[in-house]
Every structure is written in structure tokens, then in C-alpha cells.
Amino acid sequence: MKKILVTGATGVIGRRVVPALVKAGHQVTAVARTPEKAAALTKAGADPVTVDLFNADDVASAAAGRDAIIHLATNIPLGISAARPSAWKTNDRLRTEAANNLASAAIDAGAATYVGESIAFPYLDSGAAWIDETQPCGYHSGSQTSVDAEAAAQRVTDHGAAGVMLRFAMFHAVDSGHIGTFMSMAKRGISPFFGGPDGYQSFIDADDAARAVASALDVPAGIYNVAEPNPTTRAAHAAELASLLNKKKLRSIPTLLQKAGGKPVTELGRSQRISSRKLQEASSWEPRVDVITRWKDLT
């Protein structure tokens, strides 16, 4: 049994992680921002706590006595708003200020493990080749701070504990905001995928992602990809959605509109066939769901 502090505990992944940790016998303290979210965490078996993640003293108090800290708090802008640098301000602070506060708190508390959330989107376009953690990345203003988040975990490792960063592919869940947007577009006959149709789109099922977080408590320090077992092409995803929605074909987003989205859209249009082999070899975790089989759950 470990004493664990979880941030982002009521997000798409967090609300799956908390019950999994409780079921595994851990004592979970989870950050909640509203009474309603605190009640939901209590129902899930966690002890809710209010913490200002941008206040170092507040974070240190919450982390005291914890064996592990899991930082899942994000604030990702949706839709066209992602093209505005200002829309990433809160998310940037969570990856920089909050991550540094939590890493410092983990070090001071003598926590054995720090698990942080990062992203796989910055990997450069690799066509049909598999992408592991050694592949180069290219960042834009909205993803650059993932470098800072990963540096915070490395600082924990440098102090003798296990700093673990999980680079997630795009989350897929019925309660995910961006997946809801995808389905809304598809129902209007528009393909929600950026980039060329032959490019690979890597997702990760939300339940698989939650199990990956739980497994990360027992792996060596380092960076690990978290993605579905067999990523497929955007053309295949679009064809599956069209079939499920009884449409002959989904129209691609016009090139000019994609260019208007700037670097965030360019990043999402890369071909990325993400491999999770490293995490599978380091733990008992393995991804179970090929996301192309899950679109039917949303129609």
C-alpha cells in the first residue's frame, strides 16, 4: 500500500486512475477544486483535498508523507482556440510552475516516485515507421512546456527517486471533449482528422491510459510512450466513421483552414505510429484497445 497524491483527479484520465489506485489498495489523496468534485472523489474512495498547485507551500503541505505523486492536471484548449497562444496559458503554468512545485515537494517529502503527464504529439513525422522514445521532437508554443514538465520529473530522478514521464497519444473516451468535437464534425460529413489521409493517427483508450498510470508507480525512472497497440491511418478512421454514420465519405478539412490553424494543427497532422513497447517491457501493462474499434460506442 502506498500513500499517493493525485492532481487532475477529476479529468478524463484522473477519474479513471483514482478508482484503479483505490482498488489496488493504495491510500489516495486527490486534488479537487469544487465541492461537487470533492464529493465525487470521496465516492471513488479517495480523500479530497484543496490545493493551489501554483503555491509551493500549499503543494508541499499536501505532499508531506506521500510515497508517490501523480501529476495529471492539464488545461488543453479545444477546437480552433488552440491556435491562440493565450489559450495555452493555464496549461503552460501547470506544466511549468505546478510541475516544479510538485517535483520539489516530492523531493522534500522523500517520495519514491513522481509520475507526470506528457504528450506524444511533438514527435516528428515518421511516416509508417514505429516511433519510440528516442525519436526527435519538434515543438510549438502550445507544446514547448512539455519539455519543462519532463525536466521536472528528471529533477526528481537526479535526487535519487524515480521520475517517470508518460507521453500519451491522443486520449479516446466517450467523455472526452475533443472526441465529442470529432464526432460532431463526422456527423456533419466532415473528417475531423488533420494531415494527409495516409498518415498514422495514434490514440490511447482512456481506460488503457489509466492502467498505464497505475503501472508507472513501479517502473524505473524515464520517459515512456503510452499508445494503442496498432495505430492505423486517418483514412481508415475516416472510413470507419463514415460507415458507422451511413455516409459515403467524409469530406477532408480544406487545406487553407488547416494552414490557418498554425503550428498546433501542423503538429496534429504529422504521421505518428507510436510504440509503447518500452512501458510494456518495464511493467505488466499492455494496451488492450485498438481505438478504431471504439468509434461505434459513440454513434
C-alpha atoms as a PDB file:
ATOM      1  CA  MET A   1       0.000   0.000   0.000  1.00  0.00           C
ATOM      2  CA  LYS A   2       1.310   3.417  -0.997  1.00  0.00           C
ATOM      3  CA  LYS A   3       0.217   6.874   0.051  1.00  0.00           C
ATOM      4  CA  ILE A   4      -0.372   8.759  -3.189  1.00  0.00           C
ATOM      5  CA  LEU A   5      -1.227  12.370  -4.057  1.00  0.00           C
ATOM      6  CA  VAL A   6      -3.027  12.797  -7.408  1.00  0.00           C
ATOM      7  CA  THR A   7      -3.603  16.055  -9.276  1.00  0.00           C
ATOM      8  CA  GLY A   8      -6.012  16.253 -12.191  1.00  0.00           C
ATOM      9  CA  ALA A   9      -8.009  13.586 -10.375  1.00  0.00           C
ATOM     10  CA  THR A  10     -11.355  14.591 -11.884  1.00  0.00           C
ATOM     11  CA  GLY A  11     -10.178  14.858 -15.500  1.00  0.00           C
ATOM     12  CA  VAL A  12     -10.809  12.302 -18.234  1.00  0.00           C
ATOM     13  CA  ILE A  13      -7.883  10.138 -17.106  1.00  0.00           C
ATOM     14  CA  GLY A  14      -7.840  11.096 -13.448  1.00  0.00           C
ATOM     15  CA  ARG A  15     -11.369   9.952 -12.774  1.00  0.00           C
ATOM     16  CA  ARG A  16     -10.342   6.539 -14.061  1.00  0.00           C
ATOM     17  CA  VAL A  17      -6.971   6.484 -12.297  1.00  0.00           C
ATOM     18  CA  VAL A  18      -8.307   7.188  -8.811  1.00  0.00           C
ATOM     19  CA  PRO A  19     -10.654   4.147  -8.620  1.00  0.00           C
ATOM     20  CA  ALA A  20      -7.907   1.944 -10.073  1.00  0.00           C
ATOM     21  CA  LEU A  21      -5.458   3.052  -7.381  1.00  0.00           C
ATOM     22  CA  VAL A  22      -8.029   2.611  -4.628  1.00  0.00           C
ATOM     23  CA  LYS A  23      -8.906  -0.858  -5.922  1.00  0.00           C
ATOM     24  CA  ALA A  24      -5.202  -1.745  -5.830  1.00  0.00           C
ATOM     25  CA  GLY A  25      -5.182  -0.952  -2.118  1.00  0.00           C
ATOM     26  CA  HIS A  26      -3.448   2.410  -2.172  1.00  0.00           C
ATOM     27  CA  GLN A  27      -4.339   5.334   0.068  1.00  0.00           C
ATOM     28  CA  VAL A  28      -5.228   8.116  -2.360  1.00  0.00           C
ATOM     29  CA  THR A  29      -5.394  11.824  -1.651  1.00  0.00           C
ATOM     30  CA  ALA A  30      -6.804  13.649  -4.673  1.00  0.00           C
ATOM     31  CA  VAL A  31      -6.942  17.333  -5.536  1.00  0.00           C
ATOM     32  CA  ALA A  32     -10.444  18.778  -6.028  1.00  0.00           C
ATOM     33  CA  ARG A  33     -11.353  22.345  -6.984  1.00  0.00           C
ATOM     34  CA  THR A  34     -15.079  22.306  -6.182  1.00  0.00           C
ATOM     35  CA  PRO A  35     -17.329  20.693  -3.552  1.00  0.00           C
ATOM     36  CA  GLU A  36     -19.004  18.651  -6.289  1.00  0.00           C
ATOM     37  CA  LYS A  37     -15.687  17.214  -7.458  1.00  0.00           C
ATOM     38  CA  ALA A  38     -14.653  16.559  -3.874  1.00  0.00           C
ATOM     39  CA  ALA A  39     -17.854  14.576  -3.360  1.00  0.00           C
ATOM     40  CA  ALA A  40     -17.153  12.524  -6.484  1.00  0.00           C
ATOM     41  CA  LEU A  41     -13.649  11.712  -5.248  1.00  0.00           C
ATOM     42  CA  THR A  42     -14.945  10.684  -1.845  1.00  0.00           C
ATOM     43  CA  LYS A  43     -17.416   8.368  -3.558  1.00  0.00           C
ATOM     44  CA  ALA A  44     -14.495   6.873  -5.522  1.00  0.00           C
ATOM     45  CA  GLY A  45     -12.689   6.100  -2.277  1.00  0.00           C
ATOM     46  CA  ALA A  46     -10.168   8.951  -2.222  1.00  0.00           C
ATOM     47  CA  ASP A  47      -9.577  11.682   0.331  1.00  0.00           C
ATOM     48  CA  PRO A  48     -10.223  15.011  -1.430  1.00  0.00           C
ATOM     49  CA  VAL A  49      -8.022  17.998  -0.695  1.00  0.00           C
ATOM     50  CA  THR A  50      -7.998  21.573  -1.967  1.00  0.00           C
ATOM     51  CA  VAL A  51      -4.562  22.626  -3.188  1.00  0.00           C
ATOM     52  CA  ASP A  52      -3.336  25.685  -5.069  1.00  0.00           C
ATOM     53  CA  LEU A  53      -0.857  23.981  -7.384  1.00  0.00           C
ATOM     54  CA  PHE A  54       0.836  27.305  -8.087  1.00  0.00           C
ATOM     55  CA  ASN A  55       1.596  27.846  -4.397  1.00  0.00           C
ATOM     56  CA  ALA A  56       4.741  25.975  -3.366  1.00  0.00           C
ATOM     57  CA  ASP A  57       3.878  25.925   0.352  1.00  0.00           C
ATOM     58  CA  ASP A  58       0.389  24.617  -0.350  1.00  0.00           C
ATOM     59  CA  VAL A  59       1.778  21.848  -2.531  1.00  0.00           C
ATOM     60  CA  ALA A  60       4.467  20.913  -0.009  1.00  0.00           C
ATOM     61  CA  SER A  61       1.854  20.549   2.712  1.00  0.00           C
ATOM     62  CA  ALA A  62      -0.303  18.256   0.565  1.00  0.00           C
ATOM     63  CA  ALA A  63       2.694  16.146  -0.472  1.00  0.00           C
ATOM     64  CA  ALA A  64       4.104  15.609   3.010  1.00  0.00           C
ATOM     65  CA  GLY A  65       4.226  11.923   3.908  1.00  0.00           C
ATOM     66  CA  ARG A  66       3.354  10.694   0.417  1.00  0.00           C
ATOM     67  CA  ASP A  67       5.137   7.773  -1.178  1.00  0.00           C
ATOM     68  CA  ALA A  68       4.221   8.892  -4.697  1.00  0.00           C
ATOM     69  CA  ILE A  69       2.924  11.954  -6.512  1.00  0.00           C
ATOM     70  CA  ILE A  70       0.972  11.673  -9.772  1.00  0.00           C
ATOM     71  CA  HIS A  71       0.578  14.928 -11.708  1.00  0.00           C
ATOM     72  CA  LEU A  72      -2.241  14.669 -14.277  1.00  0.00           C
ATOM     73  CA  ALA A  73      -3.630  18.207 -14.159  1.00  0.00           C
ATOM     74  CA  THR A  74      -3.984  19.809 -17.606  1.00  0.00           C
ATOM     75  CA  ASN A  75      -5.994  22.534 -19.281  1.00  0.00           C
ATOM     76  CA  ILE A  76      -5.895  21.778 -23.012  1.00  0.00           C
ATOM     77  CA  PRO A  77      -7.787  24.256 -25.243  1.00  0.00           C
ATOM     78  CA  LEU A  78     -10.251  22.710 -27.659  1.00  0.00           C
ATOM     79  CA  GLY A  79     -11.025  23.386 -31.306  1.00  0.00           C
ATOM     80  CA  ILE A  80      -9.848  26.485 -33.124  1.00  0.00           C
ATOM     81  CA  SER A  81      -8.995  28.212 -29.827  1.00  0.00           C
ATOM     82  CA  ALA A  82      -5.878  26.022 -29.698  1.00  0.00           C
ATOM     83  CA  ALA A  83      -4.409  28.254 -32.413  1.00  0.00           C
ATOM     84  CA  ARG A  84      -4.256  31.168 -29.947  1.00  0.00           C
ATOM     85  CA  PRO A  85      -1.095  31.124 -27.765  1.00  0.00           C
ATOM     86  CA  SER A  86      -3.039  32.807 -24.947  1.00  0.00           C
ATOM     87  CA  ALA A  87      -5.380  29.804 -24.760  1.00  0.00           C
ATOM     88  CA  TRP A  88      -2.480  27.683 -23.505  1.00  0.00           C
ATOM     89  CA  LYS A  89      -1.588  29.937 -20.559  1.00  0.00           C
ATOM     90  CA  THR A  90      -3.095  27.820 -17.779  1.00  0.00           C
ATOM     91  CA  ASN A  91      -1.861  24.573 -19.284  1.00  0.00           C
ATOM     92  CA  ASP A  92       1.622  26.073 -19.593  1.00  0.00           C
ATOM     93  CA  ARG A  93       1.576  27.027 -15.907  1.00  0.00           C
ATOM     94  CA  LEU A  94       0.524  23.506 -14.961  1.00  0.00           C
ATOM     95  CA  ARG A  95       3.483  22.090 -16.897  1.00  0.00           C
ATOM     96  CA  THR A  96       5.965  24.608 -15.506  1.00  0.00           C
ATOM     97  CA  GLU A  97       5.063  26.166 -12.154  1.00  0.00           C
ATOM     98  CA  ALA A  98       2.841  23.368 -10.882  1.00  0.00           C
ATOM     99  CA  ALA A  99       5.170  20.610 -12.124  1.00  0.00           C
ATOM    100  CA  ASN A 100       8.152  22.266 -10.468  1.00  0.00           C
ATOM    101  CA  ASN A 101       6.259  22.742  -7.209  1.00  0.00           C
ATOM    102  CA  LEU A 102       5.210  19.093  -7.208  1.00  0.00           C
ATOM    103  CA  ALA A 103       8.700  17.852  -8.101  1.00  0.00           C
ATOM    104  CA  SER A 104      10.203  19.924  -5.296  1.00  0.00           C
ATOM    105  CA  ALA A 105       7.560  18.649  -2.902  1.00  0.00           C
ATOM    106  CA  ALA A 106       8.266  15.045  -3.940  1.00  0.00           C
ATOM    107  CA  ILE A 107      11.977  15.549  -3.298  1.00  0.00           C
ATOM    108  CA  ASP A 108      11.430  17.216   0.080  1.00  0.00           C
ATOM    109  CA  ALA A 109       8.895  14.582   1.150  1.00  0.00           C
ATOM    110  CA  GLY A 110      11.231  11.742   0.198  1.00  0.00           C
ATOM    111  CA  ALA A 111       8.640  10.288  -2.181  1.00  0.00           C
ATOM    112  CA  ALA A 112       9.903   7.239  -4.049  1.00  0.00           C
ATOM    113  CA  THR A 113       8.063   8.048  -7.277  1.00  0.00           C
ATOM    114  CA  TYR A 114       6.885  11.044  -9.258  1.00  0.00           C
ATOM    115  CA  VAL A 115       4.673  10.341 -12.297  1.00  0.00           C
ATOM    116  CA  GLY A 116       3.941  13.155 -14.720  1.00  0.00           C
ATOM    117  CA  GLU A 117       1.826  13.517 -17.849  1.00  0.00           C
ATOM    118  CA  SER A 118       3.416  14.478 -21.152  1.00  0.00           C
ATOM    119  CA  ILE A 119       2.367  14.182 -24.793  1.00  0.00           C
ATOM    120  CA  ALA A 120       3.411  12.242 -27.887  1.00  0.00           C
ATOM    121  CA  PHE A 121       2.239  14.873 -30.411  1.00  0.00           C
ATOM    122  CA  PRO A 122       5.658  16.607 -30.710  1.00  0.00           C
ATOM    123  CA  TYR A 123       7.336  13.576 -32.304  1.00  0.00           C
ATOM    124  CA  LEU A 124       8.372  14.423 -35.842  1.00  0.00           C
ATOM    125  CA  ASP A 125       6.554  12.887 -38.784  1.00  0.00           C
ATOM    126  CA  SER A 126       7.892   9.357 -39.282  1.00  0.00           C
ATOM    127  CA  GLY A 127       5.611   8.048 -41.992  1.00  0.00           C
ATOM    128  CA  ALA A 128       4.809   4.369 -41.381  1.00  0.00           C
ATOM    129  CA  ALA A 129       7.833   3.778 -39.116  1.00  0.00           C
ATOM    130  CA  TRP A 130       7.273   2.997 -35.445  1.00  0.00           C
ATOM    131  CA  ILE A 131       8.155   5.820 -33.050  1.00  0.00           C
ATOM    132  CA  ASP A 132       9.890   5.049 -29.758  1.00  0.00           C
ATOM    133  CA  GLU A 133      11.094   7.392 -27.015  1.00  0.00           C
ATOM    134  CA  THR A 134      14.433   8.052 -28.728  1.00  0.00           C
ATOM    135  CA  GLN A 135      12.886   9.741 -31.768  1.00  0.00           C
ATOM    136  CA  PRO A 136      13.310  13.522 -32.217  1.00  0.00           C
ATOM    137  CA  CYS A 137      10.555  16.006 -31.417  1.00  0.00           C
ATOM    138  CA  GLY A 138       9.529  19.394 -32.759  1.00  0.00           C
ATOM    139  CA  TYR A 139       7.568  21.784 -30.568  1.00  0.00           C
ATOM    140  CA  HIS A 140       5.266  24.794 -30.966  1.00  0.00           C
ATOM    141  CA  SER A 141       4.216  27.402 -28.419  1.00  0.00           C
ATOM    142  CA  GLY A 142       1.494  25.153 -27.010  1.00  0.00           C
ATOM    143  CA  SER A 143       3.625  22.033 -26.603  1.00  0.00           C
ATOM    144  CA  GLN A 144       7.000  23.534 -25.714  1.00  0.00           C
ATOM    145  CA  THR A 145       6.239  23.460 -21.995  1.00  0.00           C
ATOM    146  CA  SER A 146       6.013  19.659 -22.110  1.00  0.00           C
ATOM    147  CA  VAL A 147       9.817  19.908 -22.125  1.00  0.00           C
ATOM    148  CA  ASP A 148       9.615  21.743 -18.787  1.00  0.00           C
ATOM    149  CA  ALA A 149       7.239  19.122 -17.398  1.00  0.00           C
ATOM    150  CA  GLU A 150       9.642  16.352 -18.348  1.00  0.00           C
ATOM    151  CA  ALA A 151      12.548  18.295 -16.834  1.00  0.00           C
ATOM    152  CA  ALA A 152      10.679  18.422 -13.516  1.00  0.00           C
ATOM    153  CA  ALA A 153      10.496  14.627 -13.462  1.00  0.00           C
ATOM    154  CA  GLN A 154      14.170  14.407 -14.350  1.00  0.00           C
ATOM    155  CA  ARG A 155      14.964  16.611 -11.352  1.00  0.00           C
ATOM    156  CA  VAL A 156      13.253  14.046  -9.106  1.00  0.00           C
ATOM    157  CA  THR A 157      15.370  11.325 -10.700  1.00  0.00           C
ATOM    158  CA  ASP A 158      18.520  13.390 -10.186  1.00  0.00           C
ATOM    159  CA  HIS A 159      17.711  13.434  -6.454  1.00  0.00           C
ATOM    160  CA  GLY A 160      17.645   9.644  -6.282  1.00  0.00           C
ATOM    161  CA  ALA A 161      13.962   8.801  -6.739  1.00  0.00           C
ATOM    162  CA  ALA A 162      12.046   7.609  -9.817  1.00  0.00           C
ATOM    163  CA  GLY A 163      10.874  10.458 -12.013  1.00  0.00           C
ATOM    164  CA  VAL A 164       8.562   8.941 -14.631  1.00  0.00           C
ATOM    165  CA  MET A 165       7.013  10.769 -17.578  1.00  0.00           C
ATOM    166  CA  LEU A 166       4.255   9.263 -19.683  1.00  0.00           C
ATOM    167  CA  ARG A 167       3.993  10.583 -23.243  1.00  0.00           C
ATOM    168  CA  PHE A 168       0.356   9.941 -24.085  1.00  0.00           C
ATOM    169  CA  ALA A 169      -1.090   9.636 -27.557  1.00  0.00           C
ATOM    170  CA  MET A 170      -4.463  11.344 -28.104  1.00  0.00           C
ATOM    171  CA  PHE A 171      -6.988  10.271 -25.491  1.00  0.00           C
ATOM    172  CA  HIS A 172     -10.106   8.483 -26.715  1.00  0.00           C
ATOM    173  CA  ALA A 173     -13.110   8.364 -24.397  1.00  0.00           C
ATOM    174  CA  VAL A 174     -16.858   8.904 -24.533  1.00  0.00           C
ATOM    175  CA  ASP A 175     -16.436  11.757 -22.019  1.00  0.00           C
ATOM    176  CA  SER A 176     -13.564  13.487 -23.803  1.00  0.00           C
ATOM    177  CA  GLY A 177     -14.232  16.992 -25.113  1.00  0.00           C
ATOM    178  CA  HIS A 178     -12.128  16.702 -28.256  1.00  0.00           C
ATOM    179  CA  ILE A 179     -13.591  13.310 -29.141  1.00  0.00           C
ATOM    180  CA  GLY A 180     -17.042  14.865 -28.781  1.00  0.00           C
ATOM    181  CA  THR A 181     -15.938  17.529 -31.255  1.00  0.00           C
ATOM    182  CA  PHE A 182     -14.637  14.839 -33.623  1.00  0.00           C
ATOM    183  CA  MET A 183     -17.998  13.081 -33.589  1.00  0.00           C
ATOM    184  CA  SER A 184     -19.903  16.325 -34.129  1.00  0.00           C
ATOM    185  CA  MET A 185     -17.815  17.041 -37.230  1.00  0.00           C
ATOM    186  CA  ALA A 186     -18.189  13.499 -38.555  1.00  0.00           C
ATOM    187  CA  LYS A 187     -21.968  13.664 -38.190  1.00  0.00           C
ATOM    188  CA  ARG A 188     -21.869  16.763 -40.399  1.00  0.00           C
ATOM    189  CA  GLY A 189     -19.919  14.802 -43.004  1.00  0.00           C
ATOM    190  CA  ILE A 190     -16.507  16.316 -42.200  1.00  0.00           C
ATOM    191  CA  SER A 191     -13.428  14.270 -41.365  1.00  0.00           C
ATOM    192  CA  PRO A 192     -12.101  15.504 -38.001  1.00  0.00           C
ATOM    193  CA  PHE A 193      -8.528  14.459 -38.748  1.00  0.00           C
ATOM    194  CA  PHE A 194      -5.763  16.868 -39.715  1.00  0.00           C
ATOM    195  CA  GLY A 195      -2.976  15.898 -42.088  1.00  0.00           C
ATOM    196  CA  GLY A 196      -2.739  13.513 -45.006  1.00  0.00           C
ATOM    197  CA  PRO A 197      -5.085  10.515 -45.128  1.00  0.00           C
ATOM    198  CA  ASP A 198      -2.205   8.031 -45.330  1.00  0.00           C
ATOM    199  CA  GLY A 199      -0.622   9.372 -42.144  1.00  0.00           C
ATOM    200  CA  TYR A 200      -0.891   7.375 -38.927  1.00  0.00           C
ATOM    201  CA  GLN A 201      -3.049   8.682 -36.068  1.00  0.00           C
ATOM    202  CA  SER A 202      -2.139   7.258 -32.669  1.00  0.00           C
ATOM    203  CA  PHE A 203      -4.750   7.221 -29.910  1.00  0.00           C
ATOM    204  CA  ILE A 204      -4.908   5.693 -26.448  1.00  0.00           C
ATOM    205  CA  ASP A 205      -8.122   4.390 -24.916  1.00  0.00           C
ATOM    206  CA  ALA A 206      -8.792   6.247 -21.652  1.00  0.00           C
ATOM    207  CA  ASP A 207      -9.095   3.063 -19.593  1.00  0.00           C
ATOM    208  CA  ASP A 208      -5.829   1.753 -21.040  1.00  0.00           C
ATOM    209  CA  ALA A 209      -4.240   5.116 -20.192  1.00  0.00           C
ATOM    210  CA  ALA A 210      -5.445   4.923 -16.592  1.00  0.00           C
ATOM    211  CA  ARG A 211      -3.966   1.464 -16.180  1.00  0.00           C
ATOM    212  CA  ALA A 212      -0.690   2.771 -17.591  1.00  0.00           C
ATOM    213  CA  VAL A 213      -0.587   5.469 -14.911  1.00  0.00           C
ATOM    214  CA  ALA A 214      -1.119   2.895 -12.164  1.00  0.00           C
ATOM    215  CA  SER A 215       1.612   0.673 -13.622  1.00  0.00           C
ATOM    216  CA  ALA A 216       4.042   3.610 -13.761  1.00  0.00           C
ATOM    217  CA  LEU A 217       4.324   3.553  -9.975  1.00  0.00           C
ATOM    218  CA  ASP A 218       6.638   0.545 -10.262  1.00  0.00           C
ATOM    219  CA  VAL A 219       8.811   1.232 -13.303  1.00  0.00           C
ATOM    220  CA  PRO A 220      12.345   2.648 -13.475  1.00  0.00           C
ATOM    221  CA  ALA A 221      12.790   6.382 -13.968  1.00  0.00           C
ATOM    222  CA  GLY A 222      12.442   7.588 -17.543  1.00  0.00           C
ATOM    223  CA  ILE A 223      10.128   8.585 -20.376  1.00  0.00           C
ATOM    224  CA  TYR A 224       7.540   6.120 -21.675  1.00  0.00           C
ATOM    225  CA  ASN A 225       5.121   6.267 -24.600  1.00  0.00           C
ATOM    226  CA  VAL A 226       1.506   5.293 -23.974  1.00  0.00           C
ATOM    227  CA  ALA A 227      -0.461   4.425 -27.119  1.00  0.00           C
ATOM    228  CA  GLU A 228      -2.867   1.880 -28.582  1.00  0.00           C
ATOM    229  CA  PRO A 229      -1.438  -1.466 -29.769  1.00  0.00           C
ATOM    230  CA  ASN A 230      -1.949  -0.976 -33.517  1.00  0.00           C
ATOM    231  CA  PRO A 231      -2.303   2.642 -34.636  1.00  0.00           C
ATOM    232  CA  THR A 232      -3.865   2.982 -38.067  1.00  0.00           C
ATOM    233  CA  THR A 233      -4.193   5.649 -40.734  1.00  0.00           C
ATOM    234  CA  ARG A 234      -6.508   8.644 -40.769  1.00  0.00           C
ATOM    235  CA  ALA A 235      -8.064   7.272 -43.929  1.00  0.00           C
ATOM    236  CA  ALA A 236      -9.025   4.088 -42.075  1.00  0.00           C
ATOM    237  CA  HIS A 237     -10.500   6.052 -39.166  1.00  0.00           C
ATOM    238  CA  ALA A 238     -12.444   8.321 -41.523  1.00  0.00           C
ATOM    239  CA  ALA A 239     -13.774   5.339 -43.469  1.00  0.00           C
ATOM    240  CA  GLU A 240     -14.878   3.635 -40.248  1.00  0.00           C
ATOM    241  CA  LEU A 241     -16.718   6.762 -39.078  1.00  0.00           C
ATOM    242  CA  ALA A 242     -18.364   7.215 -42.481  1.00  0.00           C
ATOM    243  CA  SER A 243     -19.577   3.627 -42.434  1.00  0.00           C
ATOM    244  CA  LEU A 244     -20.949   3.869 -38.904  1.00  0.00           C
ATOM    245  CA  LEU A 245     -22.753   7.117 -39.742  1.00  0.00           C
ATOM    246  CA  ASN A 246     -24.127   5.773 -43.038  1.00  0.00           C
ATOM    247  CA  LYS A 247     -22.194   8.295 -45.108  1.00  0.00           C
ATOM    248  CA  LYS A 248     -20.449   7.532 -48.384  1.00  0.00           C
ATOM    249  CA  LYS A 249     -17.384   9.527 -47.427  1.00  0.00           C
ATOM    250  CA  LEU A 250     -16.268  12.231 -45.003  1.00  0.00           C
ATOM    251  CA  ARG A 251     -15.002  15.480 -46.538  1.00  0.00           C
ATOM    252  CA  SER A 252     -11.452  16.477 -45.608  1.00  0.00           C
ATOM    253  CA  ILE A 253     -10.858  19.771 -43.814  1.00  0.00           C
ATOM    254  CA  PRO A 254      -9.773  22.263 -46.522  1.00  0.00           C
ATOM    255  CA  THR A 255      -6.024  22.780 -46.725  1.00  0.00           C
ATOM    256  CA  LEU A 256      -6.358  26.542 -46.245  1.00  0.00           C
ATOM    257  CA  LEU A 257      -8.248  26.041 -42.995  1.00  0.00           C
ATOM    258  CA  GLN A 258      -5.627  23.609 -41.776  1.00  0.00           C
ATOM    259  CA  LYS A 259      -2.900  26.139 -42.557  1.00  0.00           C
ATOM    260  CA  ALA A 260      -4.871  28.810 -40.722  1.00  0.00           C
ATOM    261  CA  GLY A 261      -4.645  26.670 -37.592  1.00  0.00           C
ATOM    262  CA  GLY A 262      -0.907  27.270 -37.490  1.00  0.00           C
ATOM    263  CA  LYS A 263       1.697  25.079 -35.835  1.00  0.00           C
ATOM    264  CA  PRO A 264      -0.687  23.280 -33.409  1.00  0.00           C
ATOM    265  CA  VAL A 265      -2.624  21.925 -36.390  1.00  0.00           C
ATOM    266  CA  THR A 266       0.579  21.123 -38.281  1.00  0.00           C
ATOM    267  CA  GLU A 267       1.726  19.091 -35.287  1.00  0.00           C
ATOM    268  CA  LEU A 268      -1.536  17.159 -35.174  1.00  0.00           C
ATOM    269  CA  GLY A 269      -1.177  16.414 -38.873  1.00  0.00           C
ATOM    270  CA  ARG A 270       2.089  14.510 -38.515  1.00  0.00           C
ATOM    271  CA  SER A 271       2.155  10.793 -39.212  1.00  0.00           C
ATOM    272  CA  GLN A 272       2.845   9.137 -35.871  1.00  0.00           C
ATOM    273  CA  ARG A 273       2.829   5.385 -35.328  1.00  0.00           C
ATOM    274  CA  ILE A 274       3.635   5.391 -31.624  1.00  0.00           C
ATOM    275  CA  SER A 275       5.174   2.342 -29.939  1.00  0.00           C
ATOM    276  CA  SER A 276       4.541   1.569 -26.249  1.00  0.00           C
ATOM    277  CA  ARG A 277       6.972  -1.343 -26.123  1.00  0.00           C
ATOM    278  CA  LYS A 278       9.228   0.262 -23.502  1.00  0.00           C
ATOM    279  CA  LEU A 279       6.443   0.555 -20.910  1.00  0.00           C
ATOM    280  CA  GLN A 280       5.183  -2.938 -21.707  1.00  0.00           C
ATOM    281  CA  GLU A 281       8.637  -4.385 -21.128  1.00  0.00           C
ATOM    282  CA  ALA A 282       9.104  -2.446 -17.876  1.00  0.00           C
ATOM    283  CA  SER A 283       5.751  -3.381 -16.351  1.00  0.00           C
ATOM    284  CA  SER A 284       2.775  -5.718 -16.516  1.00  0.00           C
ATOM    285  CA  TRP A 285       0.805  -3.134 -18.518  1.00  0.00           C
ATOM    286  CA  GLU A 286      -0.248  -3.668 -22.080  1.00  0.00           C
ATOM    287  CA  PRO A 287      -2.733  -1.670 -24.164  1.00  0.00           C
ATOM    288  CA  ARG A 288      -5.863  -3.677 -24.893  1.00  0.00           C
ATOM    289  CA  VAL A 289      -7.879  -1.475 -27.234  1.00  0.00           C
ATOM    290  CA  ASP A 290      -7.352  -0.566 -30.874  1.00  0.00           C
ATOM    291  CA  VAL A 291      -9.287   2.676 -30.977  1.00  0.00           C
ATOM    292  CA  ILE A 292     -10.687   2.137 -34.476  1.00  0.00           C
ATOM    293  CA  THR A 293     -12.947  -0.473 -32.839  1.00  0.00           C
ATOM    294  CA  ARG A 294     -14.329   2.072 -30.364  1.00  0.00           C
ATOM    295  CA  TRP A 295     -15.941   4.630 -32.676  1.00  0.00           C
ATOM    296  CA  LYS A 296     -19.079   2.506 -32.684  1.00  0.00           C
ATOM    297  CA  ASP A 297     -19.509   3.239 -28.964  1.00  0.00           C
ATOM    298  CA  LEU A 298     -20.000   6.920 -29.813  1.00  0.00           C
ATOM    299  CA  THR A 299     -22.522   6.668 -32.653  1.00  0.00           C
END
